[in-house]
Amino acid sequence: EGIAQTVDAASADVVTFATTAGRSYSVLAFIVGRTAARDTVGALLARGFKNVTGTLTALGALTTVSNTADAAVAASVIGLSVTGTSIRMQATGVAGQTINWAADLQFKEYAP
């Protein structure tokens, strides 16, 4: 779980999860963002990752299962990506808006 705030078109890490070498991951991200005026964005994202000998790689393209938003925040951008050996859920806001973000990431981790 994580929370963060974006002001204007700035980016913020909402959740960061450290991975372990030799393991693979499937990630579901449940995300909600909301302004003081209650303009809302809600999304569900999915992506796979693998950490081979300390090098973390995202597998394929990000899958957006659902992404719905009020017009005032529709230009916001959310994603799951790699930062070092961690999985990051990042949000980028919208000019003229302060968005408070909350996210819950569910992980399935596997190592034979």
Protein backbone atom coordinates (compact mmCIF):
# COMPACT_ATOMS: atom_id res chain seq x y z
CA GLU A 1 0.00 0.00 0.00
CA GLY A 2 1.06 3.54 -0.57
CA ILE A 3 -0.07 7.12 -0.83
CA ALA A 4 1.38 10.14 -2.61
CA GLN A 5 0.41 13.54 -3.95
CA THR A 6 1.05 15.15 -7.32
CA VAL A 7 0.86 18.89 -7.91
CA ASP A 8 0.37 20.00 -11.51
CA ALA A 9 2.05 17.62 -13.99
CA ALA A 10 4.66 16.35 -11.52
CA SER A 11 5.31 12.64 -10.96
CA ALA A 12 5.36 10.74 -7.69
CA ASP A 13 6.16 7.18 -6.65
CA VAL A 14 3.05 5.84 -4.92
CA VAL A 15 4.41 2.37 -4.08
CA THR A 16 7.89 0.85 -4.44
CA PHE A 17 8.53 -2.86 -3.82
CA ALA A 18 12.03 -4.38 -3.54
CA THR A 19 12.52 -7.65 -5.44
CA THR A 20 14.83 -10.60 -4.85
CA ALA A 21 17.30 -12.06 -7.35
CA GLY A 22 16.17 -15.33 -8.92
CA ARG A 23 12.47 -14.63 -8.56
CA SER A 24 9.60 -13.79 -10.90
CA TYR A 25 6.58 -11.61 -10.09
CA SER A 26 3.06 -10.99 -11.30
CA VAL A 27 1.64 -7.68 -10.08
CA LEU A 28 -1.86 -6.23 -9.92
CA ALA A 29 -2.13 -2.55 -8.99
CA PHE A 30 -5.35 -1.02 -7.70
CA ILE A 31 -5.08 2.79 -7.92
CA VAL A 32 -7.31 5.71 -7.04
CA GLY A 33 -6.56 9.41 -7.34
CA ARG A 34 -8.76 12.25 -6.15
CA THR A 35 -8.70 16.05 -6.07
CA ALA A 36 -10.18 18.32 -3.39
CA ALA A 37 -13.10 18.90 -5.80
CA ARG A 38 -13.59 15.10 -5.81
CA ASP A 39 -12.55 14.62 -9.44
CA THR A 40 -11.46 10.98 -9.48
CA VAL A 41 -9.36 8.53 -11.48
CA GLY A 42 -9.54 4.79 -10.79
CA ALA A 43 -7.47 2.09 -12.44
CA LEU A 44 -6.43 -1.55 -12.36
CA LEU A 45 -3.06 -2.40 -13.95
CA ALA A 46 -1.21 -5.69 -14.43
CA ARG A 47 2.37 -6.55 -15.35
CA GLY A 48 4.95 -9.29 -14.96
CA PHE A 49 8.58 -8.85 -13.87
CA LYS A 50 11.65 -11.03 -13.41
CA ASN A 51 14.82 -10.51 -11.41
CA VAL A 52 17.70 -12.50 -12.92
CA THR A 53 20.95 -12.27 -10.93
CA GLY A 54 20.03 -8.81 -9.62
CA THR A 55 18.75 -7.33 -12.89
CA LEU A 56 15.02 -6.57 -12.77
CA THR A 57 13.13 -6.56 -16.09
CA ALA A 58 9.52 -5.70 -16.88
CA LEU A 59 7.90 -8.32 -19.11
CA GLY A 60 6.06 -7.02 -22.15
CA ALA A 61 3.77 -4.04 -22.16
CA LEU A 62 1.76 -2.79 -19.22
CA THR A 63 -1.79 -4.17 -19.26
CA THR A 64 -4.50 -1.68 -18.35
CA VAL A 65 -7.48 -3.71 -17.16
CA SER A 66 -9.50 -0.59 -16.34
CA ASN A 67 -8.78 3.16 -16.29
CA THR A 68 -11.68 5.52 -15.74
CA ALA A 69 -11.51 9.21 -14.82
CA ASP A 70 -13.42 12.43 -14.55
CA ALA A 71 -12.54 14.90 -17.31
CA ALA A 72 -10.47 17.16 -15.01
CA VAL A 73 -7.98 14.36 -14.27
CA ALA A 74 -8.28 12.23 -17.42
CA ALA A 75 -4.82 13.29 -18.65
CA SER A 76 -3.09 11.81 -15.59
CA VAL A 77 -0.71 8.92 -16.27
CA ILE A 78 -0.14 5.86 -14.07
CA GLY A 79 2.15 2.92 -14.55
CA LEU A 80 4.17 0.00 -13.23
CA SER A 81 7.87 0.12 -14.05
CA VAL A 82 11.38 -0.78 -12.92
CA THR A 83 13.62 1.38 -10.77
CA GLY A 84 16.88 -0.42 -9.93
CA THR A 85 15.78 -3.78 -8.48
CA SER A 86 12.38 -2.48 -7.32
CA ILE A 87 8.94 -2.46 -8.89
CA ARG A 88 7.47 1.05 -8.91
CA MET A 89 3.88 2.27 -9.24
CA GLN A 90 4.16 5.88 -10.37
CA ALA A 91 1.55 8.57 -11.01
CA THR A 92 1.88 11.76 -13.05
CA GLY A 93 -0.63 14.50 -12.37
CA VAL A 94 -2.35 17.13 -14.49
CA ALA A 95 -1.57 20.84 -14.85
CA GLY A 96 -3.68 22.92 -12.48
CA GLN A 97 -4.64 19.95 -10.29
CA THR A 98 -3.46 18.55 -6.96
CA ILE A 99 -4.22 14.82 -6.90
CA ASN A 100 -3.98 12.61 -3.84
CA TRP A 101 -3.16 9.04 -4.86
CA ALA A 102 -3.60 5.73 -3.05
CA ALA A 103 -2.54 2.35 -4.38
CA ASP A 104 -2.58 -1.25 -3.28
CA LEU A 105 -0.28 -3.67 -5.12
CA GLN A 106 -0.88 -7.41 -5.01
CA PHE A 107 2.10 -9.62 -5.82
CA LYS A 108 2.50 -13.25 -6.74
CA GLU A 109 6.16 -14.16 -6.29
CA TYR A 110 7.70 -17.37 -7.62
CA ALA A 111 11.08 -19.05 -7.34
CA PRO A 112 11.46 -22.74 -8.14
